[in-house]
Amino acid sequence: MRKKLHIRKGDTVMVITGDSKGQQGKVLNMNTEKNRAIVEGINLVSKHTKPNAKSPQGGIMKKEAPVHISNLMVIDSSGKPTKTGRKLDTKKNVSARYSKLSGEVIK
């Protein structure tokens, strides 16, 4: 059974602690087994690469590293970080995430 997390791929999130505190970005990838997410433009690390077909010059490349999801908060439609909850949609019989700050459903 898959874990239900408060963050999904495609969400806009804010980093609440760590070196990138206060920065916002879009979730590019999720690793549910390790509870980590790769966020666009956050937690950049330098990777040394040899020359190859993709980068004939080689050199030092900047790449996003995974961030633990406990350090991230979802940003709702008002642009503020919020906690998320789940409520059951009786028509579709599925649980939907909603913003505890505004009460709106997060898509």
PDB file of N, CA and C in Angstrom:
ATOM      1  N   MET A   1       0.840  -1.190   0.000  1.00  0.00           N
ATOM      2  CA  MET A   1       0.000   0.000   0.000  1.00  0.00           C
ATOM      3  C   MET A   1       0.880   1.246   0.000  1.00  0.00           C
ATOM      4  N   ARG A   2       0.519   2.222  -0.829  1.00  0.00           N
ATOM      5  CA  ARG A   2       1.288   3.448  -0.963  1.00  0.00           C
ATOM      6  C   ARG A   2       0.980   4.415   0.166  1.00  0.00           C
ATOM      7  N   LYS A   3       2.009   5.079   0.684  1.00  0.00           N
ATOM      8  CA  LYS A   3       1.820   6.083   1.721  1.00  0.00           C
ATOM      9  C   LYS A   3       1.188   7.322   1.124  1.00  0.00           C
ATOM     10  N   LYS A   4       0.323   7.987   1.901  1.00  0.00           N
ATOM     11  CA  LYS A   4      -0.244   9.259   1.471  1.00  0.00           C
ATOM     12  C   LYS A   4       0.526  10.362   2.171  1.00  0.00           C
ATOM     13  N   LEU A   5       1.175  11.192   1.390  1.00  0.00           N
ATOM     14  CA  LEU A   5       2.000  12.262   1.921  1.00  0.00           C
ATOM     15  C   LEU A   5       1.314  13.605   1.715  1.00  0.00           C
ATOM     16  N   HIS A   6       1.789  14.623   2.421  1.00  0.00           N
ATOM     17  CA  HIS A   6       1.176  15.941   2.295  1.00  0.00           C
ATOM     18  C   HIS A   6       1.687  16.697   1.075  1.00  0.00           C
ATOM     19  N   ILE A   7       2.653  16.128   0.370  1.00  0.00           N
ATOM     20  CA  ILE A   7       3.240  16.765  -0.810  1.00  0.00           C
ATOM     21  C   ILE A   7       3.157  15.799  -1.985  1.00  0.00           C
ATOM     22  N   ARG A   8       2.882  16.361  -3.162  1.00  0.00           N
ATOM     23  CA  ARG A   8       2.845  15.556  -4.383  1.00  0.00           C
ATOM     24  C   ARG A   8       3.718  16.193  -5.444  1.00  0.00           C
ATOM     25  N   LYS A   9       4.033  15.427  -6.468  1.00  0.00           N
ATOM     26  CA  LYS A   9       4.771  15.939  -7.621  1.00  0.00           C
ATOM     27  C   LYS A   9       3.936  17.029  -8.281  1.00  0.00           C
ATOM     28  N   GLY A  10       4.569  18.165  -8.574  1.00  0.00           N
ATOM     29  CA  GLY A  10       3.866  19.269  -9.207  1.00  0.00           C
ATOM     30  C   GLY A  10       3.420  20.349  -8.234  1.00  0.00           C
ATOM     31  N   ASP A  11       3.433  20.078  -6.923  1.00  0.00           N
ATOM     32  CA  ASP A  11       3.057  21.081  -5.919  1.00  0.00           C
ATOM     33  C   ASP A  11       4.110  22.175  -5.834  1.00  0.00           C
ATOM     34  N   THR A  12       3.672  23.379  -5.491  1.00  0.00           N
ATOM     35  CA  THR A  12       4.602  24.456  -5.174  1.00  0.00           C
ATOM     36  C   THR A  12       4.808  24.431  -3.678  1.00  0.00           C
ATOM     37  N   VAL A  13       6.064  24.376  -3.257  1.00  0.00           N
ATOM     38  CA  VAL A  13       6.379  24.241  -1.839  1.00  0.00           C
ATOM     39  C   VAL A  13       7.364  25.313  -1.387  1.00  0.00           C
ATOM     40  N   MET A  14       7.415  25.511  -0.065  1.00  0.00           N
ATOM     41  CA  MET A  14       8.377  26.424   0.542  1.00  0.00           C
ATOM     42  C   MET A  14       9.225  25.625   1.528  1.00  0.00           C
ATOM     43  N   VAL A  15      10.519  25.921   1.551  1.00  0.00           N
ATOM     44  CA  VAL A  15      11.429  25.270   2.490  1.00  0.00           C
ATOM     45  C   VAL A  15      11.304  26.010   3.825  1.00  0.00           C
ATOM     46  N   ILE A  16      11.031  25.275   4.911  1.00  0.00           N
ATOM     47  CA  ILE A  16      10.821  25.921   6.198  1.00  0.00           C
ATOM     48  C   ILE A  16      12.032  25.851   7.115  1.00  0.00           C
ATOM     49  N   THR A  17      13.018  25.041   6.776  1.00  0.00           N
ATOM     50  CA  THR A  17      14.229  24.957   7.584  1.00  0.00           C
ATOM     51  C   THR A  17      15.392  24.467   6.739  1.00  0.00           C
ATOM     52  N   GLY A  18      16.599  24.780   7.171  1.00  0.00           N
ATOM     53  CA  GLY A  18      17.789  24.347   6.447  1.00  0.00           C
ATOM     54  C   GLY A  18      18.452  25.492   5.707  1.00  0.00           C
ATOM     55  N   ASP A  19      19.431  25.161   4.861  1.00  0.00           N
ATOM     56  CA  ASP A  19      20.201  26.168   4.130  1.00  0.00           C
ATOM     57  C   ASP A  19      19.342  26.970   3.154  1.00  0.00           C
ATOM     58  N   SER A  20      18.319  26.353   2.593  1.00  0.00           N
ATOM     59  CA  SER A  20      17.472  27.007   1.590  1.00  0.00           C
ATOM     60  C   SER A  20      16.193  27.573   2.202  1.00  0.00           C
ATOM     61  N   LYS A  21      16.182  27.851   3.494  1.00  0.00           N
ATOM     62  CA  LYS A  21      14.985  28.309   4.203  1.00  0.00           C
ATOM     63  C   LYS A  21      14.380  29.545   3.530  1.00  0.00           C
ATOM     64  N   GLY A  22      13.060  29.508   3.326  1.00  0.00           N
ATOM     65  CA  GLY A  22      12.349  30.629   2.732  1.00  0.00           C
ATOM     66  C   GLY A  22      12.210  30.568   1.219  1.00  0.00           C
ATOM     67  N   GLN A  23      12.941  29.686   0.568  1.00  0.00           N
ATOM     68  CA  GLN A  23      12.872  29.589  -0.887  1.00  0.00           C
ATOM     69  C   GLN A  23      11.669  28.753  -1.315  1.00  0.00           C
ATOM     70  N   GLN A  24      11.151  29.056  -2.504  1.00  0.00           N
ATOM     71  CA  GLN A  24      10.013  28.333  -3.052  1.00  0.00           C
ATOM     72  C   GLN A  24      10.393  27.653  -4.351  1.00  0.00           C
ATOM     73  N   GLY A  25       9.712  26.562  -4.638  1.00  0.00           N
ATOM     74  CA  GLY A  25       9.959  25.856  -5.887  1.00  0.00           C
ATOM     75  C   GLY A  25       8.897  24.813  -6.140  1.00  0.00           C
ATOM     76  N   LYS A  26       8.960  24.214  -7.325  1.00  0.00           N
ATOM     77  CA  LYS A  26       8.013  23.194  -7.739  1.00  0.00           C
ATOM     78  C   LYS A  26       8.631  21.818  -7.518  1.00  0.00           C
ATOM     79  N   VAL A  27       7.847  20.874  -7.007  1.00  0.00           N
ATOM     80  CA  VAL A  27       8.331  19.512  -6.778  1.00  0.00           C
ATOM     81  C   VAL A  27       8.468  18.810  -8.121  1.00  0.00           C
ATOM     82  N   LEU A  28       9.697  18.385  -8.433  1.00  0.00           N
ATOM     83  CA  LEU A  28       9.975  17.716  -9.707  1.00  0.00           C
ATOM     84  C   LEU A  28       9.826  16.209  -9.603  1.00  0.00           C
ATOM     85  N   ASN A  29      10.202  15.652  -8.435  1.00  0.00           N
ATOM     86  CA  ASN A  29      10.239  14.206  -8.273  1.00  0.00           C
ATOM     87  C   ASN A  29      10.052  13.862  -6.806  1.00  0.00           C
ATOM     88  N   MET A  30       9.425  12.726  -6.525  1.00  0.00           N
ATOM     89  CA  MET A  30       9.219  12.269  -5.150  1.00  0.00           C
ATOM     90  C   MET A  30       9.835  10.886  -4.967  1.00  0.00           C
ATOM     91  N   ASN A  31      10.435  10.665  -3.804  1.00  0.00           N
ATOM     92  CA  ASN A  31      10.903   9.343  -3.411  1.00  0.00           C
ATOM     93  C   ASN A  31      10.165   8.984  -2.133  1.00  0.00           C
ATOM     94  N   THR A  32       9.058   8.229  -2.262  1.00  0.00           N
ATOM     95  CA  THR A  32       8.209   7.935  -1.115  1.00  0.00           C
ATOM     96  C   THR A  32       8.852   6.962  -0.139  1.00  0.00           C
ATOM     97  N   GLU A  33       9.773   6.138  -0.620  1.00  0.00           N
ATOM     98  CA  GLU A  33      10.432   5.187   0.275  1.00  0.00           C
ATOM     99  C   GLU A  33      11.349   5.896   1.267  1.00  0.00           C
ATOM    100  N   LYS A  34      12.013   6.959   0.827  1.00  0.00           N
ATOM    101  CA  LYS A  34      12.932   7.705   1.684  1.00  0.00           C
ATOM    102  C   LYS A  34      12.328   9.012   2.195  1.00  0.00           C
ATOM    103  N   ASN A  35      11.053   9.294   1.846  1.00  0.00           N
ATOM    104  CA  ASN A  35      10.370  10.535   2.236  1.00  0.00           C
ATOM    105  C   ASN A  35      11.157  11.768   1.812  1.00  0.00           C
ATOM    106  N   ARG A  36      11.591  11.791   0.572  1.00  0.00           N
ATOM    107  CA  ARG A  36      12.368  12.911   0.050  1.00  0.00           C
ATOM    108  C   ARG A  36      11.777  13.400  -1.257  1.00  0.00           C
ATOM    109  N   ALA A  37      12.001  14.688  -1.536  1.00  0.00           N
ATOM    110  CA  ALA A  37      11.507  15.301  -2.765  1.00  0.00           C
ATOM    111  C   ALA A  37      12.620  16.109  -3.400  1.00  0.00           C
ATOM    112  N   ILE A  38      12.626  16.144  -4.727  1.00  0.00           N
ATOM    113  CA  ILE A  38      13.552  17.008  -5.457  1.00  0.00           C
ATOM    114  C   ILE A  38      12.751  18.232  -5.886  1.00  0.00           C
ATOM    115  N   VAL A  39      13.200  19.402  -5.428  1.00  0.00           N
ATOM    116  CA  VAL A  39      12.487  20.653  -5.678  1.00  0.00           C
ATOM    117  C   VAL A  39      13.323  21.516  -6.611  1.00  0.00           C
ATOM    118  N   GLU A  40      12.665  22.122  -7.600  1.00  0.00           N
ATOM    119  CA  GLU A  40      13.320  22.927  -8.611  1.00  0.00           C
ATOM    120  C   GLU A  40      14.038  24.130  -7.986  1.00  0.00           C
ATOM    121  N   GLY A  41      15.361  24.201  -8.207  1.00  0.00           N
ATOM    122  CA  GLY A  41      16.153  25.339  -7.744  1.00  0.00           C
ATOM    123  C   GLY A  41      16.501  25.337  -6.270  1.00  0.00           C
ATOM    124  N   ILE A  42      16.220  24.249  -5.551  1.00  0.00           N
ATOM    125  CA  ILE A  42      16.460  24.179  -4.108  1.00  0.00           C
ATOM    126  C   ILE A  42      17.503  23.100  -3.814  1.00  0.00           C
ATOM    127  N   ASN A  43      18.356  23.355  -2.838  1.00  0.00           N
ATOM    128  CA  ASN A  43      19.377  22.414  -2.378  1.00  0.00           C
ATOM    129  C   ASN A  43      20.307  22.024  -3.537  1.00  0.00           C
ATOM    130  N   LEU A  44      20.869  23.025  -4.200  1.00  0.00           N
ATOM    131  CA  LEU A  44      21.761  22.779  -5.335  1.00  0.00           C
ATOM    132  C   LEU A  44      23.118  22.291  -4.844  1.00  0.00           C
ATOM    133  N   VAL A  45      23.636  21.271  -5.503  1.00  0.00           N
ATOM    134  CA  VAL A  45      24.956  20.737  -5.197  1.00  0.00           C
ATOM    135  C   VAL A  45      25.800  20.790  -6.471  1.00  0.00           C
ATOM    136  N   SER A  46      27.112  20.859  -6.309  1.00  0.00           N
ATOM    137  CA  SER A  46      28.021  20.883  -7.448  1.00  0.00           C
ATOM    138  C   SER A  46      28.434  19.462  -7.783  1.00  0.00           C
ATOM    139  N   LYS A  47      28.302  19.097  -9.044  1.00  0.00           N
ATOM    140  CA  LYS A  47      28.680  17.761  -9.498  1.00  0.00           C
ATOM    141  C   LYS A  47      29.757  17.909 -10.564  1.00  0.00           C
ATOM    142  N   HIS A  48      30.879  17.282 -10.347  1.00  0.00           N
ATOM    143  CA  HIS A  48      31.980  17.328 -11.298  1.00  0.00           C
ATOM    144  C   HIS A  48      31.738  16.270 -12.371  1.00  0.00           C
ATOM    145  N   THR A  49      31.767  16.694 -13.638  1.00  0.00           N
ATOM    146  CA  THR A  49      31.503  15.768 -14.735  1.00  0.00           C
ATOM    147  C   THR A  49      32.666  15.750 -15.719  1.00  0.00           C
ATOM    148  N   LYS A  50      32.926  14.565 -16.231  1.00  0.00           N
ATOM    149  CA  LYS A  50      33.937  14.415 -17.279  1.00  0.00           C
ATOM    150  C   LYS A  50      33.312  14.804 -18.610  1.00  0.00           C
ATOM    151  N   PRO A  51      34.102  15.182 -19.577  1.00  0.00           N
ATOM    152  CA  PRO A  51      33.536  15.470 -20.900  1.00  0.00           C
ATOM    153  C   PRO A  51      32.867  14.219 -21.487  1.00  0.00           C
ATOM    154  N   ASN A  52      31.660  14.399 -22.033  1.00  0.00           N
ATOM    155  CA  ASN A  52      30.944  13.306 -22.681  1.00  0.00           C
ATOM    156  C   ASN A  52      30.104  13.881 -23.812  1.00  0.00           C
ATOM    157  N   ALA A  53      29.243  13.074 -24.411  1.00  0.00           N
ATOM    158  CA  ALA A  53      28.451  13.512 -25.557  1.00  0.00           C
ATOM    159  C   ALA A  53      27.490  14.649 -25.169  1.00  0.00           C
ATOM    160  N   LYS A  54      26.903  14.570 -23.982  1.00  0.00           N
ATOM    161  CA  LYS A  54      25.971  15.610 -23.541  1.00  0.00           C
ATOM    162  C   LYS A  54      26.675  16.924 -23.263  1.00  0.00           C
ATOM    163  N   SER A  55      27.772  16.842 -22.520  1.00  0.00           N
ATOM    164  CA  SER A  55      28.530  18.061 -22.202  1.00  0.00           C
ATOM    165  C   SER A  55      29.975  17.861 -22.640  1.00  0.00           C
ATOM    166  N   PRO A  56      30.304  18.252 -23.886  1.00  0.00           N
ATOM    167  CA  PRO A  56      31.644  18.015 -24.416  1.00  0.00           C
ATOM    168  C   PRO A  56      32.728  18.773 -23.640  1.00  0.00           C
ATOM    169  N   GLN A  57      32.329  19.858 -22.971  1.00  0.00           N
ATOM    170  CA  GLN A  57      33.296  20.645 -22.198  1.00  0.00           C
ATOM    171  C   GLN A  57      33.595  19.998 -20.839  1.00  0.00           C
ATOM    172  N   GLY A  58      32.579  19.323 -20.239  1.00  0.00           N
ATOM    173  CA  GLY A  58      32.742  18.784 -18.891  1.00  0.00           C
ATOM    174  C   GLY A  58      32.662  19.919 -17.884  1.00  0.00           C
ATOM    175  N   GLY A  59      33.209  19.721 -16.697  1.00  0.00           N
ATOM    176  CA  GLY A  59      33.265  20.789 -15.709  1.00  0.00           C
ATOM    177  C   GLY A  59      32.344  20.557 -14.529  1.00  0.00           C
ATOM    178  N   ILE A  60      32.023  21.645 -13.834  1.00  0.00           N
ATOM    179  CA  ILE A  60      31.201  21.579 -12.630  1.00  0.00           C
ATOM    180  C   ILE A  60      29.767  21.960 -12.981  1.00  0.00           C
ATOM    181  N   MET A  61      28.829  21.053 -12.706  1.00  0.00           N
ATOM    182  CA  MET A  61      27.419  21.275 -13.004  1.00  0.00           C
ATOM    183  C   MET A  61      26.654  21.436 -11.689  1.00  0.00           C
ATOM    184  N   LYS A  62      25.655  22.304 -11.678  1.00  0.00           N
ATOM    185  CA  LYS A  62      24.764  22.466 -10.524  1.00  0.00           C
ATOM    186  C   LYS A  62      23.570  21.554 -10.710  1.00  0.00           C
ATOM    187  N   LYS A  63      23.195  20.824  -9.646  1.00  0.00           N
ATOM    188  CA  LYS A  63      22.120  19.855  -9.723  1.00  0.00           C
ATOM    189  C   LYS A  63      21.328  19.883  -8.416  1.00  0.00           C
ATOM    190  N   GLU A  64      20.004  19.679  -8.497  1.00  0.00           N
ATOM    191  CA  GLU A  64      19.185  19.639  -7.293  1.00  0.00           C
ATOM    192  C   GLU A  64      19.379  18.311  -6.566  1.00  0.00           C
ATOM    193  N   ALA A  65      19.498  18.388  -5.234  1.00  0.00           N
ATOM    194  CA  ALA A  65      19.600  17.202  -4.401  1.00  0.00           C
ATOM    195  C   ALA A  65      18.283  17.041  -3.636  1.00  0.00           C
ATOM    196  N   PRO A  66      17.956  15.827  -3.212  1.00  0.00           N
ATOM    197  CA  PRO A  66      16.694  15.606  -2.496  1.00  0.00           C
ATOM    198  C   PRO A  66      16.649  16.333  -1.145  1.00  0.00           C
ATOM    199  N   VAL A  67      15.423  16.753  -0.766  1.00  0.00           N
ATOM    200  CA  VAL A  67      15.162  17.405   0.514  1.00  0.00           C
ATOM    201  C   VAL A  67      14.135  16.552   1.248  1.00  0.00           C
ATOM    202  N   HIS A  68      14.282  16.384   2.552  1.00  0.00           N
ATOM    203  CA  HIS A  68      13.300  15.615   3.317  1.00  0.00           C
ATOM    204  C   HIS A  68      11.976  16.372   3.348  1.00  0.00           C
ATOM    205  N   ILE A  69      10.853  15.643   3.225  1.00  0.00           N
ATOM    206  CA  ILE A  69       9.557  16.308   3.110  1.00  0.00           C
ATOM    207  C   ILE A  69       9.131  17.012   4.393  1.00  0.00           C
ATOM    208  N   SER A  70       9.750  16.677   5.526  1.00  0.00           N
ATOM    209  CA  SER A  70       9.411  17.368   6.766  1.00  0.00           C
ATOM    210  C   SER A  70       9.915  18.807   6.749  1.00  0.00           C
ATOM    211  N   ASN A  71      10.822  19.129   5.836  1.00  0.00           N
ATOM    212  CA  ASN A  71      11.353  20.481   5.716  1.00  0.00           C
ATOM    213  C   ASN A  71      10.590  21.313   4.692  1.00  0.00           C
ATOM    214  N   LEU A  72       9.483  20.792   4.157  1.00  0.00           N
ATOM    215  CA  LEU A  72       8.728  21.465   3.107  1.00  0.00           C
ATOM    216  C   LEU A  72       7.282  21.682   3.534  1.00  0.00           C
ATOM    217  N   MET A  73       6.683  22.804   3.095  1.00  0.00           N
ATOM    218  CA  MET A  73       5.265  23.078   3.306  1.00  0.00           C
ATOM    219  C   MET A  73       4.639  23.459   1.973  1.00  0.00           C
ATOM    220  N   VAL A  74       3.433  22.980   1.750  1.00  0.00           N
ATOM    221  CA  VAL A  74       2.705  23.272   0.524  1.00  0.00           C
ATOM    222  C   VAL A  74       2.255  24.733   0.544  1.00  0.00           C
ATOM    223  N   ILE A  75       2.312  25.386  -0.617  1.00  0.00           N
ATOM    224  CA  ILE A  75       1.822  26.755  -0.746  1.00  0.00           C
ATOM    225  C   ILE A  75       0.452  26.684  -1.410  1.00  0.00           C
ATOM    226  N   ASP A  76      -0.563  27.298  -0.769  1.00  0.00           N
ATOM    227  CA  ASP A  76      -1.917  27.250  -1.321  1.00  0.00           C
ATOM    228  C   ASP A  76      -2.140  28.387  -2.323  1.00  0.00           C
ATOM    229  N   SER A  77      -3.350  28.526  -2.791  1.00  0.00           N
ATOM    230  CA  SER A  77      -3.655  29.496  -3.844  1.00  0.00           C
ATOM    231  C   SER A  77      -3.436  30.945  -3.415  1.00  0.00           C
ATOM    232  N   SER A  78      -3.472  31.215  -2.094  1.00  0.00           N
ATOM    233  CA  SER A  78      -3.240  32.587  -1.619  1.00  0.00           C
ATOM    234  C   SER A  78      -1.756  32.932  -1.569  1.00  0.00           C
ATOM    235  N   GLY A  79      -0.882  31.935  -1.774  1.00  0.00           N
ATOM    236  CA  GLY A  79       0.555  32.177  -1.794  1.00  0.00           C
ATOM    237  C   GLY A  79       1.221  32.030  -0.444  1.00  0.00           C
ATOM    238  N   LYS A  80       0.508  31.493   0.544  1.00  0.00           N
ATOM    239  CA  LYS A  80       1.074  31.312   1.880  1.00  0.00           C
ATOM    240  C   LYS A  80       1.294  29.826   2.155  1.00  0.00           C
ATOM    241  N   PRO A  81       2.355  29.486   2.917  1.00  0.00           N
ATOM    242  CA  PRO A  81       2.564  28.078   3.281  1.00  0.00           C
ATOM    243  C   PRO A  81       1.475  27.620   4.245  1.00  0.00           C
ATOM    244  N   THR A  82       1.008  26.414   4.069  1.00  0.00           N
ATOM    245  CA  THR A  82      -0.096  25.910   4.874  1.00  0.00           C
ATOM    246  C   THR A  82       0.071  24.429   5.179  1.00  0.00           C
ATOM    247  N   LYS A  83      -0.535  24.006   6.277  1.00  0.00           N
ATOM    248  CA  LYS A  83      -0.636  22.577   6.556  1.00  0.00           C
ATOM    249  C   LYS A  83      -1.749  22.033   5.684  1.00  0.00           C
ATOM    250  N   THR A  84      -1.713  20.730   5.444  1.00  0.00           N
ATOM    251  CA  THR A  84      -2.751  20.124   4.622  1.00  0.00           C
ATOM    252  C   THR A  84      -3.510  19.092   5.434  1.00  0.00           C
ATOM    253  N   GLY A  85      -4.767  18.928   5.088  1.00  0.00           N
ATOM    254  CA  GLY A  85      -5.600  17.905   5.699  1.00  0.00           C
ATOM    255  C   GLY A  85      -6.249  17.098   4.597  1.00  0.00           C
ATOM    256  N   ARG A  86      -6.999  16.094   4.990  1.00  0.00           N
ATOM    257  CA  ARG A  86      -7.711  15.273   4.009  1.00  0.00           C
ATOM    258  C   ARG A  86      -9.170  15.200   4.402  1.00  0.00           C
ATOM    259  N   LYS A  87     -10.041  15.351   3.398  1.00  0.00           N
ATOM    260  CA  LYS A  87     -11.457  15.129   3.649  1.00  0.00           C
ATOM    261  C   LYS A  87     -12.016  14.267   2.540  1.00  0.00           C
ATOM    262  N   LEU A  88     -13.002  13.481   2.871  1.00  0.00           N
ATOM    263  CA  LEU A  88     -13.584  12.530   1.943  1.00  0.00           C
ATOM    264  C   LEU A  88     -14.582  13.225   1.033  1.00  0.00           C
ATOM    265  N   ASP A  89     -14.404  13.051  -0.265  1.00  0.00           N
ATOM    266  CA  ASP A  89     -15.349  13.560  -1.255  1.00  0.00           C
ATOM    267  C   ASP A  89     -16.377  12.460  -1.475  1.00  0.00           C
ATOM    268  N   THR A  90     -17.588  12.680  -0.977  1.00  0.00           N
ATOM    269  CA  THR A  90     -18.606  11.620  -1.010  1.00  0.00           C
ATOM    270  C   THR A  90     -19.071  11.287  -2.425  1.00  0.00           C
ATOM    271  N   LYS A  91     -19.038  12.242  -3.335  1.00  0.00           N
ATOM    272  CA  LYS A  91     -19.487  11.984  -4.707  1.00  0.00           C
ATOM    273  C   LYS A  91     -18.545  11.045  -5.436  1.00  0.00           C
ATOM    274  N   LYS A  92     -17.239  11.282  -5.272  1.00  0.00           N
ATOM    275  CA  LYS A  92     -16.244  10.478  -5.983  1.00  0.00           C
ATOM    276  C   LYS A  92     -15.676   9.359  -5.116  1.00  0.00           C
ATOM    277  N   ASN A  93     -15.963   9.382  -3.805  1.00  0.00           N
ATOM    278  CA  ASN A  93     -15.488   8.393  -2.836  1.00  0.00           C
ATOM    279  C   ASN A  93     -13.959   8.324  -2.775  1.00  0.00           C
ATOM    280  N   VAL A  94     -13.327   9.498  -2.850  1.00  0.00           N
ATOM    281  CA  VAL A  94     -11.876   9.603  -2.710  1.00  0.00           C
ATOM    282  C   VAL A  94     -11.561  10.720  -1.718  1.00  0.00           C
ATOM    283  N   SER A  95     -10.387  10.656  -1.114  1.00  0.00           N
ATOM    284  CA  SER A  95     -10.015  11.722  -0.189  1.00  0.00           C
ATOM    285  C   SER A  95      -9.285  12.821  -0.959  1.00  0.00           C
ATOM    286  N   ALA A  96      -9.607  14.064  -0.647  1.00  0.00           N
ATOM    287  CA  ALA A  96      -9.005  15.213  -1.302  1.00  0.00           C
ATOM    288  C   ALA A  96      -8.193  15.999  -0.277  1.00  0.00           C
ATOM    289  N   ARG A  97      -7.059  16.536  -0.711  1.00  0.00           N
ATOM    290  CA  ARG A  97      -6.259  17.379   0.182  1.00  0.00           C
ATOM    291  C   ARG A  97      -6.850  18.777   0.216  1.00  0.00           C
ATOM    292  N   TYR A  98      -6.826  19.391   1.394  1.00  0.00           N
ATOM    293  CA  TYR A  98      -7.303  20.762   1.495  1.00  0.00           C
ATOM    294  C   TYR A  98      -6.353  21.565   2.367  1.00  0.00           C
ATOM    295  N   SER A  99      -6.375  22.884   2.165  1.00  0.00           N
ATOM    296  CA  SER A  99      -5.537  23.800   2.916  1.00  0.00           C
ATOM    297  C   SER A  99      -6.191  24.082   4.261  1.00  0.00           C
ATOM    298  N   LYS A 100      -5.471  23.866   5.352  1.00  0.00           N
ATOM    299  CA  LYS A 100      -6.027  24.145   6.675  1.00  0.00           C
ATOM    300  C   LYS A 100      -6.086  25.640   6.943  1.00  0.00           C
ATOM    301  N   LEU A 101      -5.339  26.442   6.165  1.00  0.00           N
ATOM    302  CA  LEU A 101      -5.336  27.893   6.334  1.00  0.00           C
ATOM    303  C   LEU A 101      -6.587  28.521   5.725  1.00  0.00           C
ATOM    304  N   SER A 102      -6.910  28.135   4.482  1.00  0.00           N
ATOM    305  CA  SER A 102      -8.046  28.749   3.792  1.00  0.00           C
ATOM    306  C   SER A 102      -9.234  27.801   3.633  1.00  0.00           C
ATOM    307  N   GLY A 103      -9.021  26.507   3.776  1.00  0.00           N
ATOM    308  CA  GLY A 103     -10.102  25.536   3.607  1.00  0.00           C
ATOM    309  C   GLY A 103     -10.338  25.107   2.180  1.00  0.00           C
ATOM    310  N   GLU A 104      -9.572  25.660   1.219  1.00  0.00           N
ATOM    311  CA  GLU A 104      -9.748  25.315  -0.192  1.00  0.00           C
ATOM    312  C   GLU A 104      -9.095  23.974  -0.515  1.00  0.00           C
ATOM    313  N   VAL A 105      -9.648  23.286  -1.498  1.00  0.00           N
ATOM    314  CA  VAL A 105      -9.099  22.009  -1.949  1.00  0.00           C
ATOM    315  C   VAL A 105      -7.840  22.284  -2.765  1.00  0.00           C
ATOM    316  N   ILE A 106      -6.783  21.526  -2.488  1.00  0.00           N
ATOM    317  CA  ILE A 106      -5.515  21.644  -3.220  1.00  0.00           C
ATOM    318  C   ILE A 106      -5.539  20.645  -4.358  1.00  0.00           C
ATOM    319  N   LYS A 107      -5.269  21.133  -5.571  1.00  0.00           N
ATOM    320  CA  LYS A 107      -5.295  20.243  -6.737  1.00  0.00           C
ATOM    321  C   LYS A 107      -3.920  19.812  -7.124  1.00  0.00           C
TER     322      LYS A 107
END
